[in-house]
Amino acid sequence: MDMCNGEILGYGIDRPPSAVNVKNALNKAIEITAGCPYRRTFHSDQGWAYQMKAYSHRLKEERIFQSMSRKENYYDNSVMENFFRLLKQEIYYGTVYYSYDKLKVNNRKIY
């Protein structure tokens, strides 16, 4: 998420979660922000995807600072945690998806 305007820069939906999907979302965000004249910072939690050596190496290649939340301290990543909470409320809770494909099609409409 661009912290200046709230725009989602890169995302992916995949079954099951995969390193390829996560790296594709990162590459999309890198592409969109490539012309940024200021230091870019990537905020995340300590999920497995963000701890991959290939992931952190890619950030370093692009001179993007990685800010990872500390254990049991969600305030470090509170903006994204709040975004995902609201996203789940709006598209998931109270709705039954009978297939992965239905969930994926519904989520494309949001962005």
PDB file of N, CA and C in Angstrom:
ATOM      1  N   MET A   1       0.841  -1.178   0.000  1.00  0.00           N
ATOM      2  CA  MET A   1       0.000   0.000   0.000  1.00  0.00           C
ATOM      3  C   MET A   1       0.886   1.242   0.000  1.00  0.00           C
ATOM      4  N   ASP A   2       0.568   2.149  -0.866  1.00  0.00           N
ATOM      5  CA  ASP A   2       1.249   3.430  -0.872  1.00  0.00           C
ATOM      6  C   ASP A   2       0.718   4.219   0.323  1.00  0.00           C
ATOM      7  N   MET A   3       1.594   4.548   1.252  1.00  0.00           N
ATOM      8  CA  MET A   3       1.166   5.208   2.485  1.00  0.00           C
ATOM      9  C   MET A   3       0.773   6.669   2.254  1.00  0.00           C
ATOM     10  N   CYS A   4       1.085   7.197   1.094  1.00  0.00           N
ATOM     11  CA  CYS A   4       0.736   8.579   0.784  1.00  0.00           C
ATOM     12  C   CYS A   4      -0.715   8.686   0.330  1.00  0.00           C
ATOM     13  N   ASN A   5      -1.156   7.771  -0.550  1.00  0.00           N
ATOM     14  CA  ASN A   5      -2.509   7.894  -1.087  1.00  0.00           C
ATOM     15  C   ASN A   5      -3.400   6.670  -0.843  1.00  0.00           C
ATOM     16  N   GLY A   6      -2.881   5.631  -0.179  1.00  0.00           N
ATOM     17  CA  GLY A   6      -3.680   4.452   0.148  1.00  0.00           C
ATOM     18  C   GLY A   6      -3.859   3.473  -1.006  1.00  0.00           C
ATOM     19  N   GLU A   7      -3.174   3.702  -2.119  1.00  0.00           N
ATOM     20  CA  GLU A   7      -3.308   2.833  -3.284  1.00  0.00           C
ATOM     21  C   GLU A   7      -2.612   1.490  -3.040  1.00  0.00           C
ATOM     22  N   ILE A   8      -3.287   0.398  -3.419  1.00  0.00           N
ATOM     23  CA  ILE A   8      -2.664  -0.920  -3.350  1.00  0.00           C
ATOM     24  C   ILE A   8      -1.777  -1.073  -4.575  1.00  0.00           C
ATOM     25  N   LEU A   9      -0.502  -1.334  -4.352  1.00  0.00           N
ATOM     26  CA  LEU A   9       0.474  -1.355  -5.437  1.00  0.00           C
ATOM     27  C   LEU A   9       0.666  -2.737  -6.048  1.00  0.00           C
ATOM     28  N   GLY A  10       0.571  -3.760  -5.258  1.00  0.00           N
ATOM     29  CA  GLY A  10       0.751  -5.112  -5.770  1.00  0.00           C
ATOM     30  C   GLY A  10       0.038  -6.098  -4.869  1.00  0.00           C
ATOM     31  N   TYR A  11      -0.625  -7.068  -5.474  1.00  0.00           N
ATOM     32  CA  TYR A  11      -1.300  -8.090  -4.685  1.00  0.00           C
ATOM     33  C   TYR A  11      -1.438  -9.343  -5.527  1.00  0.00           C
ATOM     34  N   GLY A  12      -1.744 -10.441  -4.856  1.00  0.00           N
ATOM     35  CA  GLY A  12      -1.968 -11.690  -5.563  1.00  0.00           C
ATOM     36  C   GLY A  12      -2.883 -12.588  -4.758  1.00  0.00           C
ATOM     37  N   ILE A  13      -3.632 -13.389  -5.461  1.00  0.00           N
ATOM     38  CA  ILE A  13      -4.492 -14.387  -4.827  1.00  0.00           C
ATOM     39  C   ILE A  13      -4.103 -15.717  -5.442  1.00  0.00           C
ATOM     40  N   ASP A  14      -3.771 -16.684  -4.605  1.00  0.00           N
ATOM     41  CA  ASP A  14      -3.330 -17.971  -5.114  1.00  0.00           C
ATOM     42  C   ASP A  14      -3.733 -19.079  -4.157  1.00  0.00           C
ATOM     43  N   ARG A  15      -3.879 -20.256  -4.703  1.00  0.00           N
ATOM     44  CA  ARG A  15      -4.194 -21.420  -3.888  1.00  0.00           C
ATOM     45  C   ARG A  15      -3.234 -22.507  -4.275  1.00  0.00           C
ATOM     46  N   PRO A  16      -2.440 -22.995  -3.381  1.00  0.00           N
ATOM     47  CA  PRO A  16      -2.168 -22.519  -2.023  1.00  0.00           C
ATOM     48  C   PRO A  16      -1.208 -21.325  -2.067  1.00  0.00           C
ATOM     49  N   PRO A  17      -0.968 -20.682  -0.921  1.00  0.00           N
ATOM     50  CA  PRO A  17      -0.008 -19.580  -0.913  1.00  0.00           C
ATOM     51  C   PRO A  17       1.334 -20.069  -1.462  1.00  0.00           C
ATOM     52  N   SER A  18       1.956 -19.245  -2.284  1.00  0.00           N
ATOM     53  CA  SER A  18       3.217 -19.673  -2.885  1.00  0.00           C
ATOM     54  C   SER A  18       4.214 -18.526  -2.927  1.00  0.00           C
ATOM     55  N   ALA A  19       5.477 -18.893  -2.949  1.00  0.00           N
ATOM     56  CA  ALA A  19       6.540 -17.904  -3.043  1.00  0.00           C
ATOM     57  C   ALA A  19       6.464 -17.158  -4.372  1.00  0.00           C
ATOM     58  N   VAL A  20       6.113 -17.857  -5.434  1.00  0.00           N
ATOM     59  CA  VAL A  20       6.011 -17.238  -6.754  1.00  0.00           C
ATOM     60  C   VAL A  20       4.957 -16.135  -6.749  1.00  0.00           C
ATOM     61  N   ASN A  21       3.809 -16.404  -6.159  1.00  0.00           N
ATOM     62  CA  ASN A  21       2.731 -15.409  -6.097  1.00  0.00           C
ATOM     63  C   ASN A  21       3.168 -14.181  -5.303  1.00  0.00           C
ATOM     64  N   VAL A  22       3.833 -14.403  -4.193  1.00  0.00           N
ATOM     65  CA  VAL A  22       4.293 -13.294  -3.354  1.00  0.00           C
ATOM     66  C   VAL A  22       5.343 -12.467  -4.091  1.00  0.00           C
ATOM     67  N   LYS A  23       6.267 -13.128  -4.770  1.00  0.00           N
ATOM     68  CA  LYS A  23       7.298 -12.394  -5.513  1.00  0.00           C
ATOM     69  C   LYS A  23       6.701 -11.636  -6.699  1.00  0.00           C
ATOM     70  N   ASN A  24       5.686 -12.200  -7.336  1.00  0.00           N
ATOM     71  CA  ASN A  24       5.019 -11.487  -8.435  1.00  0.00           C
ATOM     72  C   ASN A  24       4.364 -10.199  -7.941  1.00  0.00           C
ATOM     73  N   ALA A  25       3.724 -10.270  -6.764  1.00  0.00           N
ATOM     74  CA  ALA A  25       3.105  -9.072  -6.188  1.00  0.00           C
ATOM     75  C   ALA A  25       4.173  -8.025  -5.858  1.00  0.00           C
ATOM     76  N   LEU A  26       5.293  -8.465  -5.324  1.00  0.00           N
ATOM     77  CA  LEU A  26       6.401  -7.549  -5.024  1.00  0.00           C
ATOM     78  C   LEU A  26       6.922  -6.900  -6.304  1.00  0.00           C
ATOM     79  N   ASN A  27       7.107  -7.699  -7.339  1.00  0.00           N
ATOM     80  CA  ASN A  27       7.620  -7.157  -8.600  1.00  0.00           C
ATOM     81  C   ASN A  27       6.678  -6.114  -9.187  1.00  0.00           C
ATOM     82  N   LYS A  28       5.381  -6.323  -9.041  1.00  0.00           N
ATOM     83  CA  LYS A  28       4.400  -5.347  -9.519  1.00  0.00           C
ATOM     84  C   LYS A  28       4.554  -4.029  -8.752  1.00  0.00           C
ATOM     85  N   ALA A  29       4.689  -4.126  -7.433  1.00  0.00           N
ATOM     86  CA  ALA A  29       4.864  -2.924  -6.615  1.00  0.00           C
ATOM     87  C   ALA A  29       6.177  -2.215  -6.951  1.00  0.00           C
ATOM     88  N   ILE A  30       7.228  -2.980  -7.196  1.00  0.00           N
ATOM     89  CA  ILE A  30       8.522  -2.388  -7.567  1.00  0.00           C
ATOM     90  C   ILE A  30       8.397  -1.653  -8.892  1.00  0.00           C
ATOM     91  N   GLU A  31       7.720  -2.278  -9.833  1.00  0.00           N
ATOM     92  CA  GLU A  31       7.534  -1.664 -11.157  1.00  0.00           C
ATOM     93  C   GLU A  31       6.780  -0.340 -11.055  1.00  0.00           C
ATOM     94  N   ILE A  32       5.729  -0.322 -10.264  1.00  0.00           N
ATOM     95  CA  ILE A  32       4.903   0.876 -10.124  1.00  0.00           C
ATOM     96  C   ILE A  32       5.671   2.011  -9.444  1.00  0.00           C
ATOM     97  N   THR A  33       6.539   1.668  -8.502  1.00  0.00           N
ATOM     98  CA  THR A  33       7.239   2.700  -7.731  1.00  0.00           C
ATOM     99  C   THR A  33       8.657   2.967  -8.229  1.00  0.00           C
ATOM    100  N   ALA A  34       9.022   2.410  -9.355  1.00  0.00           N
ATOM    101  CA  ALA A  34      10.396   2.521  -9.867  1.00  0.00           C
ATOM    102  C   ALA A  34      10.873   3.962 -10.018  1.00  0.00           C
ATOM    103  N   GLY A  35       9.999   4.872 -10.360  1.00  0.00           N
ATOM    104  CA  GLY A  35      10.398   6.264 -10.570  1.00  0.00           C
ATOM    105  C   GLY A  35      10.389   7.114  -9.317  1.00  0.00           C
ATOM    106  N   CYS A  36      10.141   6.523  -8.180  1.00  0.00           N
ATOM    107  CA  CYS A  36      10.069   7.282  -6.921  1.00  0.00           C
ATOM    108  C   CYS A  36      11.443   7.852  -6.562  1.00  0.00           C
ATOM    109  N   PRO A  37      11.534   9.169  -6.383  1.00  0.00           N
ATOM    110  CA  PRO A  37      12.829   9.771  -6.068  1.00  0.00           C
ATOM    111  C   PRO A  37      13.216   9.647  -4.592  1.00  0.00           C
ATOM    112  N   TYR A  38      12.309   9.166  -3.750  1.00  0.00           N
ATOM    113  CA  TYR A  38      12.543   9.073  -2.314  1.00  0.00           C
ATOM    114  C   TYR A  38      12.824   7.627  -1.919  1.00  0.00           C
ATOM    115  N   ARG A  39      13.327   7.454  -0.720  1.00  0.00           N
ATOM    116  CA  ARG A  39      13.580   6.106  -0.211  1.00  0.00           C
ATOM    117  C   ARG A  39      12.260   5.361  -0.065  1.00  0.00           C
ATOM    118  N   ARG A  40      12.201   4.184  -0.617  1.00  0.00           N
ATOM    119  CA  ARG A  40      11.008   3.351  -0.477  1.00  0.00           C
ATOM    120  C   ARG A  40      11.196   2.417   0.707  1.00  0.00           C
ATOM    121  N   THR A  41      10.108   2.214   1.469  1.00  0.00           N
ATOM    122  CA  THR A  41      10.125   1.322   2.625  1.00  0.00           C
ATOM    123  C   THR A  41       9.022   0.303   2.456  1.00  0.00           C
ATOM    124  N   PHE A  42       9.346  -0.952   2.684  1.00  0.00           N
ATOM    125  CA  PHE A  42       8.371  -2.025   2.600  1.00  0.00           C
ATOM    126  C   PHE A  42       8.086  -2.502   4.012  1.00  0.00           C
ATOM    127  N   HIS A  43       6.854  -2.305   4.481  1.00  0.00           N
ATOM    128  CA  HIS A  43       6.434  -2.736   5.814  1.00  0.00           C
ATOM    129  C   HIS A  43       5.747  -4.088   5.695  1.00  0.00           C
ATOM    130  N   SER A  44       6.076  -5.001   6.587  1.00  0.00           N
ATOM    131  CA  SER A  44       5.404  -6.304   6.579  1.00  0.00           C
ATOM    132  C   SER A  44       5.411  -6.905   7.978  1.00  0.00           C
ATOM    133  N   ASP A  45       4.666  -7.997   8.109  1.00  0.00           N
ATOM    134  CA  ASP A  45       4.740  -8.770   9.335  1.00  0.00           C
ATOM    135  C   ASP A  45       5.875  -9.790   9.171  1.00  0.00           C
ATOM    136  N   GLN A  46       5.960 -10.762  10.082  1.00  0.00           N
ATOM    137  CA  GLN A  46       7.050 -11.729  10.017  1.00  0.00           C
ATOM    138  C   GLN A  46       6.622 -13.018   9.311  1.00  0.00           C
ATOM    139  N   GLY A  47       5.695 -12.915   8.401  1.00  0.00           N
ATOM    140  CA  GLY A  47       5.239 -14.092   7.662  1.00  0.00           C
ATOM    141  C   GLY A  47       6.361 -14.754   6.894  1.00  0.00           C
ATOM    142  N   TRP A  48       6.182 -16.045   6.615  1.00  0.00           N
ATOM    143  CA  TRP A  48       7.228 -16.831   5.945  1.00  0.00           C
ATOM    144  C   TRP A  48       7.665 -16.199   4.627  1.00  0.00           C
ATOM    145  N   ALA A  49       6.721 -15.618   3.903  1.00  0.00           N
ATOM    146  CA  ALA A  49       7.042 -15.075   2.576  1.00  0.00           C
ATOM    147  C   ALA A  49       8.031 -13.920   2.661  1.00  0.00           C
ATOM    148  N   TYR A  50       7.894 -13.101   3.691  1.00  0.00           N
ATOM    149  CA  TYR A  50       8.734 -11.907   3.804  1.00  0.00           C
ATOM    150  C   TYR A  50      10.102 -12.213   4.414  1.00  0.00           C
ATOM    151  N   GLN A  51      10.258 -13.433   4.918  1.00  0.00           N
ATOM    152  CA  GLN A  51      11.537 -13.844   5.482  1.00  0.00           C
ATOM    153  C   GLN A  51      12.384 -14.634   4.486  1.00  0.00           C
ATOM    154  N   MET A  52      11.852 -14.902   3.316  1.00  0.00           N
ATOM    155  CA  MET A  52      12.610 -15.642   2.304  1.00  0.00           C
ATOM    156  C   MET A  52      13.837 -14.832   1.889  1.00  0.00           C
ATOM    157  N   LYS A  53      14.945 -15.518   1.720  1.00  0.00           N
ATOM    158  CA  LYS A  53      16.178 -14.844   1.294  1.00  0.00           C
ATOM    159  C   LYS A  53      15.999 -14.176  -0.064  1.00  0.00           C
ATOM    160  N   ALA A  54      15.300 -14.842  -0.970  1.00  0.00           N
ATOM    161  CA  ALA A  54      15.084 -14.273  -2.305  1.00  0.00           C
ATOM    162  C   ALA A  54      14.266 -12.985  -2.216  1.00  0.00           C
ATOM    163  N   TYR A  55      13.330 -12.936  -1.287  1.00  0.00           N
ATOM    164  CA  TYR A  55      12.483 -11.752  -1.114  1.00  0.00           C
ATOM    165  C   TYR A  55      13.297 -10.572  -0.592  1.00  0.00           C
ATOM    166  N   SER A  56      14.028 -10.809   0.489  1.00  0.00           N
ATOM    167  CA  SER A  56      14.818  -9.711   1.060  1.00  0.00           C
ATOM    168  C   SER A  56      15.945  -9.298   0.106  1.00  0.00           C
ATOM    169  N   HIS A  57      16.483 -10.254  -0.633  1.00  0.00           N
ATOM    170  CA  HIS A  57      17.520  -9.925  -1.621  1.00  0.00           C
ATOM    171  C   HIS A  57      16.948  -9.018  -2.712  1.00  0.00           C
ATOM    172  N   ARG A  58      15.736  -9.311  -3.156  1.00  0.00           N
ATOM    173  CA  ARG A  58      15.092  -8.488  -4.195  1.00  0.00           C
ATOM    174  C   ARG A  58      14.883  -7.056  -3.695  1.00  0.00           C
ATOM    175  N   LEU A  59      14.466  -6.918  -2.441  1.00  0.00           N
ATOM    176  CA  LEU A  59      14.296  -5.586  -1.864  1.00  0.00           C
ATOM    177  C   LEU A  59      15.633  -4.841  -1.839  1.00  0.00           C
ATOM    178  N   LYS A  60      16.687  -5.534  -1.437  1.00  0.00           N
ATOM    179  CA  LYS A  60      18.015  -4.905  -1.383  1.00  0.00           C
ATOM    180  C   LYS A  60      18.487  -4.490  -2.774  1.00  0.00           C
ATOM    181  N   GLU A  61      18.220  -5.338  -3.772  1.00  0.00           N
ATOM    182  CA  GLU A  61      18.591  -5.001  -5.150  1.00  0.00           C
ATOM    183  C   GLU A  61      17.974  -3.681  -5.590  1.00  0.00           C
ATOM    184  N   GLU A  62      16.749  -3.464  -5.161  1.00  0.00           N
ATOM    185  CA  GLU A  62      16.010  -2.260  -5.547  1.00  0.00           C
ATOM    186  C   GLU A  62      16.223  -1.099  -4.581  1.00  0.00           C
ATOM    187  N   ARG A  63      17.091  -1.302  -3.588  1.00  0.00           N
ATOM    188  CA  ARG A  63      17.367  -0.299  -2.562  1.00  0.00           C
ATOM    189  C   ARG A  63      16.096   0.111  -1.824  1.00  0.00           C
ATOM    190  N   ILE A  64      15.296  -0.901  -1.491  1.00  0.00           N
ATOM    191  CA  ILE A  64      14.063  -0.697  -0.722  1.00  0.00           C
ATOM    192  C   ILE A  64      14.331  -1.162   0.698  1.00  0.00           C
ATOM    193  N   PHE A  65      14.060  -0.309   1.661  1.00  0.00           N
ATOM    194  CA  PHE A  65      14.260  -0.627   3.069  1.00  0.00           C
ATOM    195  C   PHE A  65      13.141  -1.553   3.532  1.00  0.00           C
ATOM    196  N   GLN A  66      13.504  -2.662   4.191  1.00  0.00           N
ATOM    197  CA  GLN A  66      12.506  -3.599   4.694  1.00  0.00           C
ATOM    198  C   GLN A  66      12.274  -3.340   6.174  1.00  0.00           C
ATOM    199  N   SER A  67      11.035  -3.034   6.519  1.00  0.00           N
ATOM    200  CA  SER A  67      10.636  -2.806   7.900  1.00  0.00           C
ATOM    201  C   SER A  67       9.691  -3.934   8.293  1.00  0.00           C
ATOM    202  N   MET A  68      10.181  -4.821   9.130  1.00  0.00           N
ATOM    203  CA  MET A  68       9.387  -5.986   9.530  1.00  0.00           C
ATOM    204  C   MET A  68       8.934  -5.822  10.977  1.00  0.00           C
ATOM    205  N   SER A  69       7.657  -6.065  11.212  1.00  0.00           N
ATOM    206  CA  SER A  69       7.129  -5.911  12.559  1.00  0.00           C
ATOM    207  C   SER A  69       7.803  -6.897  13.510  1.00  0.00           C
ATOM    208  N   ARG A  70       7.894  -6.484  14.742  1.00  0.00           N
ATOM    209  CA  ARG A  70       8.489  -7.334  15.766  1.00  0.00           C
ATOM    210  C   ARG A  70       7.466  -8.349  16.247  1.00  0.00           C
ATOM    211  N   LYS A  71       7.939  -9.415  16.831  1.00  0.00           N
ATOM    212  CA  LYS A  71       7.046 -10.457  17.328  1.00  0.00           C
ATOM    213  C   LYS A  71       6.010  -9.880  18.277  1.00  0.00           C
ATOM    214  N   GLU A  72       4.769 -10.275  18.036  1.00  0.00           N
ATOM    215  CA  GLU A  72       3.626  -9.893  18.872  1.00  0.00           C
ATOM    216  C   GLU A  72       3.450  -8.380  18.994  1.00  0.00           C
ATOM    217  N   ASN A  73       3.928  -7.636  18.008  1.00  0.00           N
ATOM    218  CA  ASN A  73       3.748  -6.197  18.004  1.00  0.00           C
ATOM    219  C   ASN A  73       3.154  -5.789  16.658  1.00  0.00           C
ATOM    220  N   TYR A  74       1.844  -5.897  16.544  1.00  0.00           N
ATOM    221  CA  TYR A  74       1.181  -5.606  15.277  1.00  0.00           C
ATOM    222  C   TYR A  74       1.135  -4.118  14.972  1.00  0.00           C
ATOM    223  N   TYR A  75       1.498  -3.269  15.917  1.00  0.00           N
ATOM    224  CA  TYR A  75       1.485  -1.829  15.659  1.00  0.00           C
ATOM    225  C   TYR A  75       2.494  -1.449  14.577  1.00  0.00           C
ATOM    226  N   ASP A  76       3.576  -2.219  14.468  1.00  0.00           N
ATOM    227  CA  ASP A  76       4.580  -1.937  13.444  1.00  0.00           C
ATOM    228  C   ASP A  76       3.995  -2.030  12.047  1.00  0.00           C
ATOM    229  N   ASN A  77       2.983  -2.847  11.887  1.00  0.00           N
ATOM    230  CA  ASN A  77       2.385  -3.079  10.578  1.00  0.00           C
ATOM    231  C   ASN A  77       0.887  -2.764  10.629  1.00  0.00           C
ATOM    232  N   SER A  78       0.509  -1.845  11.478  1.00  0.00           N
ATOM    233  CA  SER A  78      -0.905  -1.605  11.759  1.00  0.00           C
ATOM    234  C   SER A  78      -1.710  -1.121  10.550  1.00  0.00           C
ATOM    235  N   VAL A  79      -1.101  -0.366   9.661  1.00  0.00           N
ATOM    236  CA  VAL A  79      -1.839   0.133   8.495  1.00  0.00           C
ATOM    237  C   VAL A  79      -2.292  -1.032   7.625  1.00  0.00           C
ATOM    238  N   MET A  80      -1.387  -1.971   7.351  1.00  0.00           N
ATOM    239  CA  MET A  80      -1.758  -3.118   6.528  1.00  0.00           C
ATOM    240  C   MET A  80      -2.666  -4.082   7.286  1.00  0.00           C
ATOM    241  N   GLU A  81      -2.431  -4.258   8.566  1.00  0.00           N
ATOM    242  CA  GLU A  81      -3.311  -5.126   9.365  1.00  0.00           C
ATOM    243  C   GLU A  81      -4.743  -4.585   9.322  1.00  0.00           C
ATOM    244  N   ASN A  82      -4.887  -3.276   9.434  1.00  0.00           N
ATOM    245  CA  ASN A  82      -6.205  -2.650   9.374  1.00  0.00           C
ATOM    246  C   ASN A  82      -6.819  -2.822   7.982  1.00  0.00           C
ATOM    247  N   PHE A  83      -6.013  -2.652   6.940  1.00  0.00           N
ATOM    248  CA  PHE A  83      -6.508  -2.832   5.585  1.00  0.00           C
ATOM    249  C   PHE A  83      -7.057  -4.247   5.393  1.00  0.00           C
ATOM    250  N   PHE A  84      -6.290  -5.249   5.816  1.00  0.00           N
ATOM    251  CA  PHE A  84      -6.741  -6.629   5.626  1.00  0.00           C
ATOM    252  C   PHE A  84      -7.986  -6.932   6.461  1.00  0.00           C
ATOM    253  N   ARG A  85      -8.080  -6.347   7.655  1.00  0.00           N
ATOM    254  CA  ARG A  85      -9.278  -6.546   8.476  1.00  0.00           C
ATOM    255  C   ARG A  85     -10.502  -5.988   7.759  1.00  0.00           C
ATOM    256  N   LEU A  86     -10.383  -4.784   7.220  1.00  0.00           N
ATOM    257  CA  LEU A  86     -11.506  -4.175   6.498  1.00  0.00           C
ATOM    258  C   LEU A  86     -11.830  -4.932   5.214  1.00  0.00           C
ATOM    259  N   LEU A  87     -10.809  -5.368   4.510  1.00  0.00           N
ATOM    260  CA  LEU A  87     -11.014  -6.131   3.280  1.00  0.00           C
ATOM    261  C   LEU A  87     -11.786  -7.414   3.565  1.00  0.00           C
ATOM    262  N   LYS A  88     -11.396  -8.120   4.603  1.00  0.00           N
ATOM    263  CA  LYS A  88     -12.087  -9.359   4.961  1.00  0.00           C
ATOM    264  C   LYS A  88     -13.531  -9.091   5.343  1.00  0.00           C
ATOM    265  N   GLN A  89     -13.773  -8.005   6.059  1.00  0.00           N
ATOM    266  CA  GLN A  89     -15.143  -7.661   6.436  1.00  0.00           C
ATOM    267  C   GLN A  89     -15.998  -7.387   5.209  1.00  0.00           C
ATOM    268  N   GLU A  90     -15.430  -6.702   4.237  1.00  0.00           N
ATOM    269  CA  GLU A  90     -16.202  -6.289   3.072  1.00  0.00           C
ATOM    270  C   GLU A  90     -16.438  -7.399   2.059  1.00  0.00           C
ATOM    271  N   ILE A  91     -15.492  -8.319   1.910  1.00  0.00           N
ATOM    272  CA  ILE A  91     -15.650  -9.309   0.845  1.00  0.00           C
ATOM    273  C   ILE A  91     -15.791 -10.743   1.322  1.00  0.00           C
ATOM    274  N   TYR A  92     -15.502 -11.002   2.574  1.00  0.00           N
ATOM    275  CA  TYR A  92     -15.459 -12.392   2.992  1.00  0.00           C
ATOM    276  C   TYR A  92     -16.501 -12.758   4.035  1.00  0.00           C
ATOM    277  N   TYR A  93     -16.543 -12.019   5.138  1.00  0.00           N
ATOM    278  CA  TYR A  93     -17.441 -12.381   6.228  1.00  0.00           C
ATOM    279  C   TYR A  93     -18.895 -12.291   5.797  1.00  0.00           C
ATOM    280  N   GLY A  94     -19.635 -13.324   6.109  1.00  0.00           N
ATOM    281  CA  GLY A  94     -21.049 -13.360   5.762  1.00  0.00           C
ATOM    282  C   GLY A  94     -21.316 -13.877   4.368  1.00  0.00           C
ATOM    283  N   THR A  95     -20.271 -14.175   3.612  1.00  0.00           N
ATOM    284  CA  THR A  95     -20.417 -14.692   2.260  1.00  0.00           C
ATOM    285  C   THR A  95     -19.819 -16.085   2.199  1.00  0.00           C
ATOM    286  N   VAL A  96     -20.538 -16.992   1.588  1.00  0.00           N
ATOM    287  CA  VAL A  96     -20.033 -18.348   1.422  1.00  0.00           C
ATOM    288  C   VAL A  96     -19.564 -18.498  -0.017  1.00  0.00           C
ATOM    289  N   TYR A  97     -18.297 -18.827  -0.175  1.00  0.00           N
ATOM    290  CA  TYR A  97     -17.739 -19.090  -1.497  1.00  0.00           C
ATOM    291  C   TYR A  97     -17.628 -20.603  -1.646  1.00  0.00           C
ATOM    292  N   TYR A  98     -18.245 -21.125  -2.658  1.00  0.00           N
ATOM    293  CA  TYR A  98     -18.265 -22.575  -2.843  1.00  0.00           C
ATOM    294  C   TYR A  98     -17.087 -23.074  -3.664  1.00  0.00           C
ATOM    295  N   SER A  99     -16.293 -22.177  -4.169  1.00  0.00           N
ATOM    296  CA  SER A  99     -15.098 -22.590  -4.890  1.00  0.00           C
ATOM    297  C   SER A  99     -14.055 -21.479  -4.834  1.00  0.00           C
ATOM    298  N   TYR A 100     -12.823 -21.859  -5.029  1.00  0.00           N
ATOM    299  CA  TYR A 100     -11.726 -20.906  -5.083  1.00  0.00           C
ATOM    300  C   TYR A 100     -11.930 -19.937  -6.240  1.00  0.00           C
ATOM    301  N   ASP A 101     -12.404 -20.441  -7.366  1.00  0.00           N
ATOM    302  CA  ASP A 101     -12.615 -19.591  -8.543  1.00  0.00           C
ATOM    303  C   ASP A 101     -13.612 -18.476  -8.272  1.00  0.00           C
ATOM    304  N   LYS A 102     -14.697 -18.773  -7.535  1.00  0.00           N
ATOM    305  CA  LYS A 102     -15.688 -17.737  -7.199  1.00  0.00           C
ATOM    306  C   LYS A 102     -15.059 -16.659  -6.308  1.00  0.00           C
ATOM    307  N   LEU A 103     -14.259 -17.085  -5.350  1.00  0.00           N
ATOM    308  CA  LEU A 103     -13.580 -16.132  -4.468  1.00  0.00           C
ATOM    309  C   LEU A 103     -12.637 -15.247  -5.277  1.00  0.00           C
ATOM    310  N   LYS A 104     -11.869 -15.846  -6.170  1.00  0.00           N
ATOM    311  CA  LYS A 104     -10.903 -15.099  -6.965  1.00  0.00           C
ATOM    312  C   LYS A 104     -11.599 -14.096  -7.886  1.00  0.00           C
ATOM    313  N   VAL A 105     -12.687 -14.492  -8.529  1.00  0.00           N
ATOM    314  CA  VAL A 105     -13.426 -13.591  -9.427  1.00  0.00           C
ATOM    315  C   VAL A 105     -14.018 -12.437  -8.639  1.00  0.00           C
ATOM    316  N   ASN A 106     -14.589 -12.708  -7.476  1.00  0.00           N
ATOM    317  CA  ASN A 106     -15.167 -11.653  -6.643  1.00  0.00           C
ATOM    318  C   ASN A 106     -14.115 -10.640  -6.217  1.00  0.00           C
ATOM    319  N   ASN A 107     -12.920 -11.095  -5.899  1.00  0.00           N
ATOM    320  CA  ASN A 107     -11.868 -10.198  -5.412  1.00  0.00           C
ATOM    321  C   ASN A 107     -11.275  -9.344  -6.514  1.00  0.00           C
ATOM    322  N   ARG A 108     -11.345  -9.753  -7.747  1.00  0.00           N
ATOM    323  CA  ARG A 108     -10.848  -8.930  -8.856  1.00  0.00           C
ATOM    324  C   ARG A 108     -11.678  -7.671  -9.007  1.00  0.00           C
ATOM    325  N   LYS A 109     -12.936  -7.729  -8.637  1.00  0.00           N
ATOM    326  CA  LYS A 109     -13.824  -6.579  -8.792  1.00  0.00           C
ATOM    327  C   LYS A 109     -13.454  -5.441  -7.845  1.00  0.00           C
ATOM    328  N   ILE A 110     -12.807  -5.763  -6.740  1.00  0.00           N
ATOM    329  CA  ILE A 110     -12.464  -4.749  -5.740  1.00  0.00           C
ATOM    330  C   ILE A 110     -11.396  -3.821  -6.255  1.00  0.00           C
ATOM    331  N   TYR A 111     -10.418  -4.340  -6.961  1.00  0.00           N
ATOM    332  CA  TYR A 111      -9.303  -3.525  -7.422  1.00  0.00           C
ATOM    333  C   TYR A 111      -9.474  -3.223  -8.870  1.00  0.00           C
TER     334      TYR A 111
END
